[in-house]
Amino acid sequence: MDRITATKTARMADEIQKQFLLSPEIKKAIANTNREAFVPAGFRHNAYKLDALPIGGAQYISSPLTVAKMTEYLFPRGADRVLEIGCGSGYQAAVLSHLFRGVFTIERIEPLILEAKKRFRDLGIHNVHTRTDDGQNGWIKYAPYDRILFSATAKEIPAKLFDQLADGGILVAPIEKGNKQVITRFMKNGSHIEEEELEDCDFVPILDGVQK
């Protein structure tokens, strides 16, 4: 990252900190992730604002504030592997790559995942593993995961994803509750799942199947 970009991302991390308390390692992960690289060329001038931006395919890159919150709610410290459902632009996965040894991210829209893969390569991010699939299937090959993060809103969490979550693991997802969405944290203790509602949010809905 060049000096100007580094200054912009550091300033953005400071802006987030004013609105939401960040742990030092998550603030550093955001400051060290080149957000501009994940934003379509026409929106580069808005890359460092705390806004969601369109990325094509009726999808959005979440606002940096939302990415920071979702990352914080995951409690990444001490966790080794994370599964992300809904790669989108790849920005959330890139932030997670600073905090986890292995990041496994799934996207159902093939052109989006191909673009994200290229961004990871160009930025020298080597610990993010990508897959084109319906994220609701999870990624059994590399399970169990210490953490699972949904970057799209779900009506409910498929049982097979809780099966792929390690005992003592945490899953964070925006869940549809009536006419609103609520970021919800699930903690797995043996066969018991504890559920905690955190805050209202606005994400694109999770959809079935794969889109070529």
C-alpha atoms as a PDB file:
ATOM      1  CA  MET A   1       0.000   0.000   0.000  1.00  0.00           C
ATOM      2  CA  ASP A   2       1.448   3.413  -0.938  1.00  0.00           C
ATOM      3  CA  ARG A   3       1.718   6.196   1.637  1.00  0.00           C
ATOM      4  CA  ILE A   4      -1.348   8.140   0.462  1.00  0.00           C
ATOM      5  CA  THR A   5      -3.559   5.026   0.545  1.00  0.00           C
ATOM      6  CA  ALA A   6      -2.153   4.027   3.945  1.00  0.00           C
ATOM      7  CA  THR A   7      -2.987   7.491   5.291  1.00  0.00           C
ATOM      8  CA  LYS A   8      -6.549   7.272   3.926  1.00  0.00           C
ATOM      9  CA  THR A   9      -7.204   3.807   5.376  1.00  0.00           C
ATOM     10  CA  ALA A  10      -5.745   4.838   8.753  1.00  0.00           C
ATOM     11  CA  ARG A  11      -7.998   7.913   8.784  1.00  0.00           C
ATOM     12  CA  MET A  12     -10.994   5.716   7.902  1.00  0.00           C
ATOM     13  CA  ALA A  13     -10.165   3.405  10.829  1.00  0.00           C
ATOM     14  CA  ASP A  14     -10.091   6.487  13.098  1.00  0.00           C
ATOM     15  CA  GLU A  15     -13.531   7.559  11.798  1.00  0.00           C
ATOM     16  CA  ILE A  16     -14.921   4.091  12.557  1.00  0.00           C
ATOM     17  CA  GLN A  17     -13.385   4.222  16.042  1.00  0.00           C
ATOM     18  CA  LYS A  18     -15.336   7.428  16.768  1.00  0.00           C
ATOM     19  CA  GLN A  19     -18.616   5.560  16.152  1.00  0.00           C
ATOM     20  CA  PHE A  20     -17.806   2.068  17.422  1.00  0.00           C
ATOM     21  CA  LEU A  21     -15.124   0.924  19.864  1.00  0.00           C
ATOM     22  CA  LEU A  22     -12.563  -1.253  18.075  1.00  0.00           C
ATOM     23  CA  SER A  23     -10.002  -3.598  19.582  1.00  0.00           C
ATOM     24  CA  PRO A  24      -6.447  -2.608  18.554  1.00  0.00           C
ATOM     25  CA  GLU A  25      -5.937  -5.676  16.317  1.00  0.00           C
ATOM     26  CA  ILE A  26      -9.200  -5.091  14.395  1.00  0.00           C
ATOM     27  CA  LYS A  27      -8.485  -1.387  13.973  1.00  0.00           C
ATOM     28  CA  LYS A  28      -5.059  -2.338  12.609  1.00  0.00           C
ATOM     29  CA  ALA A  29      -6.598  -4.943  10.237  1.00  0.00           C
ATOM     30  CA  ILE A  30      -8.909  -2.261   8.801  1.00  0.00           C
ATOM     31  CA  ALA A  31      -6.095   0.279   8.512  1.00  0.00           C
ATOM     32  CA  ASN A  32      -3.986  -2.338   6.683  1.00  0.00           C
ATOM     33  CA  THR A  33      -6.673  -3.314   4.130  1.00  0.00           C
ATOM     34  CA  ASN A  34      -6.751  -1.283   0.909  1.00  0.00           C
ATOM     35  CA  ARG A  35     -10.499  -0.614   0.619  1.00  0.00           C
ATOM     36  CA  GLU A  36     -10.048   1.231  -2.661  1.00  0.00           C
ATOM     37  CA  ALA A  37      -8.958  -2.039  -4.329  1.00  0.00           C
ATOM     38  CA  PHE A  38     -12.382  -3.572  -3.597  1.00  0.00           C
ATOM     39  CA  VAL A  39     -14.536  -0.706  -4.860  1.00  0.00           C
ATOM     40  CA  PRO A  40     -15.602  -0.353  -8.551  1.00  0.00           C
ATOM     41  CA  ALA A  41     -13.542   2.257 -10.395  1.00  0.00           C
ATOM     42  CA  GLY A  42     -16.458   4.728 -10.629  1.00  0.00           C
ATOM     43  CA  PHE A  43     -16.802   4.804  -6.828  1.00  0.00           C
ATOM     44  CA  ARG A  44     -13.118   5.099  -5.876  1.00  0.00           C
ATOM     45  CA  HIS A  45     -13.661   8.691  -4.693  1.00  0.00           C
ATOM     46  CA  ASN A  46     -16.152   7.302  -2.126  1.00  0.00           C
ATOM     47  CA  ALA A  47     -14.005   4.352  -1.040  1.00  0.00           C
ATOM     48  CA  TYR A  48     -13.162   5.800   2.379  1.00  0.00           C
ATOM     49  CA  LYS A  49     -16.609   7.070   3.326  1.00  0.00           C
ATOM     50  CA  LEU A  50     -18.504   4.982   5.869  1.00  0.00           C
ATOM     51  CA  ASP A  51     -21.097   3.986   3.255  1.00  0.00           C
ATOM     52  CA  ALA A  52     -22.107   0.794   1.460  1.00  0.00           C
ATOM     53  CA  LEU A  53     -21.405   0.946  -2.291  1.00  0.00           C
ATOM     54  CA  PRO A  54     -22.826  -1.049  -5.262  1.00  0.00           C
ATOM     55  CA  ILE A  55     -20.487  -3.639  -6.818  1.00  0.00           C
ATOM     56  CA  GLY A  56     -22.733  -5.101  -9.541  1.00  0.00           C
ATOM     57  CA  GLY A  57     -24.893  -8.216  -9.562  1.00  0.00           C
ATOM     58  CA  ALA A  58     -27.368  -6.342  -7.300  1.00  0.00           C
ATOM     59  CA  GLN A  59     -24.752  -6.714  -4.545  1.00  0.00           C
ATOM     60  CA  TYR A  60     -23.026  -4.183  -2.298  1.00  0.00           C
ATOM     61  CA  ILE A  61     -19.714  -3.787  -0.558  1.00  0.00           C
ATOM     62  CA  SER A  62     -20.716  -3.259   3.076  1.00  0.00           C
ATOM     63  CA  SER A  63     -19.819   0.011   4.736  1.00  0.00           C
ATOM     64  CA  PRO A  64     -16.439  -0.128   6.542  1.00  0.00           C
ATOM     65  CA  LEU A  65     -18.315   0.528   9.792  1.00  0.00           C
ATOM     66  CA  THR A  66     -20.479  -2.577   9.250  1.00  0.00           C
ATOM     67  CA  VAL A  67     -17.426  -4.683   8.336  1.00  0.00           C
ATOM     68  CA  ALA A  68     -15.693  -3.480  11.505  1.00  0.00           C
ATOM     69  CA  LYS A  69     -18.725  -4.322  13.661  1.00  0.00           C
ATOM     70  CA  MET A  70     -19.210  -7.790  12.147  1.00  0.00           C
ATOM     71  CA  THR A  71     -15.500  -8.524  12.642  1.00  0.00           C
ATOM     72  CA  GLU A  72     -15.603  -7.316  16.254  1.00  0.00           C
ATOM     73  CA  TYR A  73     -18.729  -9.384  17.024  1.00  0.00           C
ATOM     74  CA  LEU A  74     -16.882 -12.520  15.819  1.00  0.00           C
ATOM     75  CA  PHE A  75     -14.335 -12.267  18.679  1.00  0.00           C
ATOM     76  CA  PRO A  76     -11.475 -13.322  16.348  1.00  0.00           C
ATOM     77  CA  ARG A  77      -8.783 -13.386  19.031  1.00  0.00           C
ATOM     78  CA  GLY A  78      -7.470 -16.917  19.565  1.00  0.00           C
ATOM     79  CA  ALA A  79      -9.451 -18.327  16.605  1.00  0.00           C
ATOM     80  CA  ASP A  80      -7.636 -20.026  13.734  1.00  0.00           C
ATOM     81  CA  ARG A  81     -10.098 -20.536  10.863  1.00  0.00           C
ATOM     82  CA  VAL A  82     -13.118 -18.597   9.693  1.00  0.00           C
ATOM     83  CA  LEU A  83     -15.758 -19.412   7.063  1.00  0.00           C
ATOM     84  CA  GLU A  84     -17.451 -16.472   5.338  1.00  0.00           C
ATOM     85  CA  ILE A  85     -20.798 -16.915   3.573  1.00  0.00           C
ATOM     86  CA  GLY A  86     -21.045 -14.264   0.837  1.00  0.00           C
ATOM     87  CA  CYS A  87     -17.634 -13.086  -0.390  1.00  0.00           C
ATOM     88  CA  GLY A  88     -18.977 -10.219  -2.536  1.00  0.00           C
ATOM     89  CA  SER A  89     -16.106  -7.879  -3.375  1.00  0.00           C
ATOM     90  CA  GLY A  90     -13.766  -9.715  -0.995  1.00  0.00           C
ATOM     91  CA  TYR A  91     -13.271  -6.733   1.331  1.00  0.00           C
ATOM     92  CA  GLN A  92     -14.561  -8.453   4.480  1.00  0.00           C
ATOM     93  CA  ALA A  93     -12.414 -11.529   3.736  1.00  0.00           C
ATOM     94  CA  ALA A  94      -9.368  -9.289   3.232  1.00  0.00           C
ATOM     95  CA  VAL A  95      -9.911  -7.712   6.670  1.00  0.00           C
ATOM     96  CA  LEU A  96     -10.305 -11.190   8.192  1.00  0.00           C
ATOM     97  CA  SER A  97      -7.063 -12.312   6.511  1.00  0.00           C
ATOM     98  CA  HIS A  98      -5.111 -10.146   8.987  1.00  0.00           C
ATOM     99  CA  LEU A  99      -6.813 -11.840  11.958  1.00  0.00           C
ATOM    100  CA  PHE A 100      -7.098 -15.537  11.033  1.00  0.00           C
ATOM    101  CA  ARG A 101      -4.570 -18.062   9.751  1.00  0.00           C
ATOM    102  CA  GLY A 102      -7.124 -19.398   7.258  1.00  0.00           C
ATOM    103  CA  VAL A 103     -10.083 -17.565   5.686  1.00  0.00           C
ATOM    104  CA  PHE A 104     -12.531 -19.678   3.646  1.00  0.00           C
ATOM    105  CA  THR A 105     -15.036 -17.616   1.677  1.00  0.00           C
ATOM    106  CA  ILE A 106     -17.964 -18.733  -0.503  1.00  0.00           C
ATOM    107  CA  GLU A 107     -19.816 -16.709  -3.134  1.00  0.00           C
ATOM    108  CA  ARG A 108     -22.767 -17.875  -5.280  1.00  0.00           C
ATOM    109  CA  ILE A 109     -22.229 -15.278  -8.058  1.00  0.00           C
ATOM    110  CA  GLU A 110     -19.301 -16.556 -10.099  1.00  0.00           C
ATOM    111  CA  PRO A 111     -18.140 -13.236 -11.687  1.00  0.00           C
ATOM    112  CA  LEU A 112     -17.898 -11.689  -8.190  1.00  0.00           C
ATOM    113  CA  ILE A 113     -15.710 -14.477  -6.802  1.00  0.00           C
ATOM    114  CA  LEU A 114     -13.427 -14.372  -9.868  1.00  0.00           C
ATOM    115  CA  GLU A 115     -12.928 -10.618  -9.361  1.00  0.00           C
ATOM    116  CA  ALA A 116     -12.330 -11.120  -5.631  1.00  0.00           C
ATOM    117  CA  LYS A 117      -9.728 -13.838  -6.328  1.00  0.00           C
ATOM    118  CA  LYS A 118      -7.865 -11.486  -8.640  1.00  0.00           C
ATOM    119  CA  ARG A 119      -7.889  -8.765  -5.972  1.00  0.00           C
ATOM    120  CA  PHE A 120      -6.477 -11.162  -3.360  1.00  0.00           C
ATOM    121  CA  ARG A 121      -3.724 -12.168  -5.798  1.00  0.00           C
ATOM    122  CA  ASP A 122      -2.897  -8.565  -6.733  1.00  0.00           C
ATOM    123  CA  LEU A 123      -2.721  -7.573  -3.051  1.00  0.00           C
ATOM    124  CA  GLY A 124      -0.553 -10.572  -2.123  1.00  0.00           C
ATOM    125  CA  ILE A 125      -3.188 -12.076   0.210  1.00  0.00           C
ATOM    126  CA  HIS A 126      -2.434 -15.816   0.263  1.00  0.00           C
ATOM    127  CA  ASN A 127      -4.459 -17.142   3.207  1.00  0.00           C
ATOM    128  CA  VAL A 128      -7.935 -16.592   1.672  1.00  0.00           C
ATOM    129  CA  HIS A 129      -9.465 -19.670  -0.002  1.00  0.00           C
ATOM    130  CA  THR A 130     -12.419 -19.113  -2.351  1.00  0.00           C
ATOM    131  CA  ARG A 131     -15.271 -21.287  -3.603  1.00  0.00           C
ATOM    132  CA  THR A 132     -18.241 -20.764  -5.940  1.00  0.00           C
ATOM    133  CA  ASP A 133     -21.267 -22.400  -4.297  1.00  0.00           C
ATOM    134  CA  ASP A 134     -24.504 -21.782  -2.438  1.00  0.00           C
ATOM    135  CA  GLY A 135     -23.042 -20.622   0.861  1.00  0.00           C
ATOM    136  CA  GLN A 136     -25.838 -22.289   2.796  1.00  0.00           C
ATOM    137  CA  ASN A 137     -24.031 -25.595   2.113  1.00  0.00           C
ATOM    138  CA  GLY A 138     -20.942 -24.391   3.947  1.00  0.00           C
ATOM    139  CA  TRP A 139     -17.586 -25.947   3.000  1.00  0.00           C
ATOM    140  CA  ILE A 140     -17.389 -29.354   4.645  1.00  0.00           C
ATOM    141  CA  LYS A 141     -13.875 -30.144   3.393  1.00  0.00           C
ATOM    142  CA  TYR A 142     -12.181 -27.694   5.774  1.00  0.00           C
ATOM    143  CA  ALA A 143     -14.621 -27.917   8.705  1.00  0.00           C
ATOM    144  CA  PRO A 144     -14.769 -27.463  11.619  1.00  0.00           C
ATOM    145  CA  TYR A 145     -14.400 -23.676  11.689  1.00  0.00           C
ATOM    146  CA  ASP A 146     -13.740 -21.636  14.828  1.00  0.00           C
ATOM    147  CA  ARG A 147     -15.869 -18.821  13.428  1.00  0.00           C
ATOM    148  CA  ILE A 148     -18.523 -18.476  10.718  1.00  0.00           C
ATOM    149  CA  LEU A 149     -19.627 -15.100   9.358  1.00  0.00           C
ATOM    150  CA  PHE A 150     -22.648 -14.406   7.152  1.00  0.00           C
ATOM    151  CA  SER A 151     -22.244 -11.361   4.906  1.00  0.00           C
ATOM    152  CA  ALA A 152     -25.886 -11.677   3.758  1.00  0.00           C
ATOM    153  CA  THR A 153     -29.098 -11.866   5.720  1.00  0.00           C
ATOM    154  CA  ALA A 154     -30.783 -15.233   6.370  1.00  0.00           C
ATOM    155  CA  LYS A 155     -34.217 -16.261   7.630  1.00  0.00           C
ATOM    156  CA  GLU A 156     -32.528 -18.976   9.657  1.00  0.00           C
ATOM    157  CA  ILE A 157     -29.159 -20.724   9.889  1.00  0.00           C
ATOM    158  CA  PRO A 158     -29.058 -24.140   8.174  1.00  0.00           C
ATOM    159  CA  ALA A 159     -28.297 -26.961  10.650  1.00  0.00           C
ATOM    160  CA  LYS A 160     -25.396 -28.131   8.451  1.00  0.00           C
ATOM    161  CA  LEU A 161     -23.577 -24.852   9.168  1.00  0.00           C
ATOM    162  CA  PHE A 162     -23.832 -25.366  12.915  1.00  0.00           C
ATOM    163  CA  ASP A 163     -22.458 -28.881  12.241  1.00  0.00           C
ATOM    164  CA  GLN A 164     -19.434 -27.250  10.567  1.00  0.00           C
ATOM    165  CA  LEU A 165     -18.851 -24.913  13.535  1.00  0.00           C
ATOM    166  CA  ALA A 166     -16.296 -26.101  16.103  1.00  0.00           C
ATOM    167  CA  ASP A 167     -17.447 -26.730  19.655  1.00  0.00           C
ATOM    168  CA  GLY A 168     -17.058 -23.415  21.479  1.00  0.00           C
ATOM    169  CA  GLY A 169     -17.236 -21.651  18.098  1.00  0.00           C
ATOM    170  CA  ILE A 170     -19.116 -18.474  17.202  1.00  0.00           C
ATOM    171  CA  LEU A 171     -21.364 -17.754  14.210  1.00  0.00           C
ATOM    172  CA  VAL A 172     -22.439 -14.171  13.440  1.00  0.00           C
ATOM    173  CA  ALA A 173     -25.242 -13.484  10.957  1.00  0.00           C
ATOM    174  CA  PRO A 174     -27.856 -10.861  10.068  1.00  0.00           C
ATOM    175  CA  ILE A 175     -31.187 -12.628  10.706  1.00  0.00           C
ATOM    176  CA  GLU A 176     -34.613 -11.594   9.393  1.00  0.00           C
ATOM    177  CA  LYS A 177     -36.948 -10.939  12.322  1.00  0.00           C
ATOM    178  CA  GLY A 178     -40.370  -9.832  11.104  1.00  0.00           C
ATOM    179  CA  ASN A 179     -39.812  -6.734   8.959  1.00  0.00           C
ATOM    180  CA  LYS A 180     -36.297  -5.988  10.210  1.00  0.00           C
ATOM    181  CA  GLN A 181     -32.845  -7.566  10.256  1.00  0.00           C
ATOM    182  CA  VAL A 182     -30.864  -8.144  13.439  1.00  0.00           C
ATOM    183  CA  ILE A 183     -27.162  -9.003  13.703  1.00  0.00           C
ATOM    184  CA  THR A 184     -27.244 -12.140  15.833  1.00  0.00           C
ATOM    185  CA  ARG A 185     -24.385 -14.032  17.502  1.00  0.00           C
ATOM    186  CA  PHE A 186     -24.702 -17.791  18.001  1.00  0.00           C
ATOM    187  CA  MET A 187     -22.351 -19.649  20.363  1.00  0.00           C
ATOM    188  CA  LYS A 188     -22.050 -23.419  20.151  1.00  0.00           C
ATOM    189  CA  ASN A 189     -21.644 -25.434  23.340  1.00  0.00           C
ATOM    190  CA  GLY A 190     -21.871 -29.134  22.530  1.00  0.00           C
ATOM    191  CA  SER A 191     -25.335 -29.692  21.080  1.00  0.00           C
ATOM    192  CA  HIS A 192     -26.621 -26.420  22.587  1.00  0.00           C
ATOM    193  CA  ILE A 193     -26.696 -23.161  20.595  1.00  0.00           C
ATOM    194  CA  GLU A 194     -26.921 -19.893  22.543  1.00  0.00           C
ATOM    195  CA  GLU A 195     -28.324 -16.907  20.661  1.00  0.00           C
ATOM    196  CA  GLU A 196     -27.699 -13.216  21.323  1.00  0.00           C
ATOM    197  CA  GLU A 197     -29.267 -10.305  19.409  1.00  0.00           C
ATOM    198  CA  LEU A 198     -26.797  -7.433  18.912  1.00  0.00           C
ATOM    199  CA  GLU A 199     -28.231  -4.663  16.715  1.00  0.00           C
ATOM    200  CA  ASP A 200     -30.488  -3.880  13.756  1.00  0.00           C
ATOM    201  CA  CYS A 201     -28.832  -3.892  10.333  1.00  0.00           C
ATOM    202  CA  ASP A 202     -29.442  -3.869   6.568  1.00  0.00           C
ATOM    203  CA  PHE A 203     -27.875  -6.549   4.347  1.00  0.00           C
ATOM    204  CA  VAL A 204     -28.780  -8.064   0.973  1.00  0.00           C
ATOM    205  CA  PRO A 205     -30.679 -11.363   1.386  1.00  0.00           C
ATOM    206  CA  ILE A 206     -29.004 -14.737   0.971  1.00  0.00           C
ATOM    207  CA  LEU A 207     -30.239 -16.499  -2.184  1.00  0.00           C
ATOM    208  CA  ASP A 208     -30.327 -20.156  -3.223  1.00  0.00           C
ATOM    209  CA  GLY A 209     -28.179 -21.771  -5.880  1.00  0.00           C
ATOM    210  CA  VAL A 210     -25.253 -20.566  -7.976  1.00  0.00           C
ATOM    211  CA  GLN A 211     -25.299 -17.764 -10.576  1.00  0.00           C
ATOM    212  CA  LYS A 212     -22.797 -18.097 -13.437  1.00  0.00           C
END
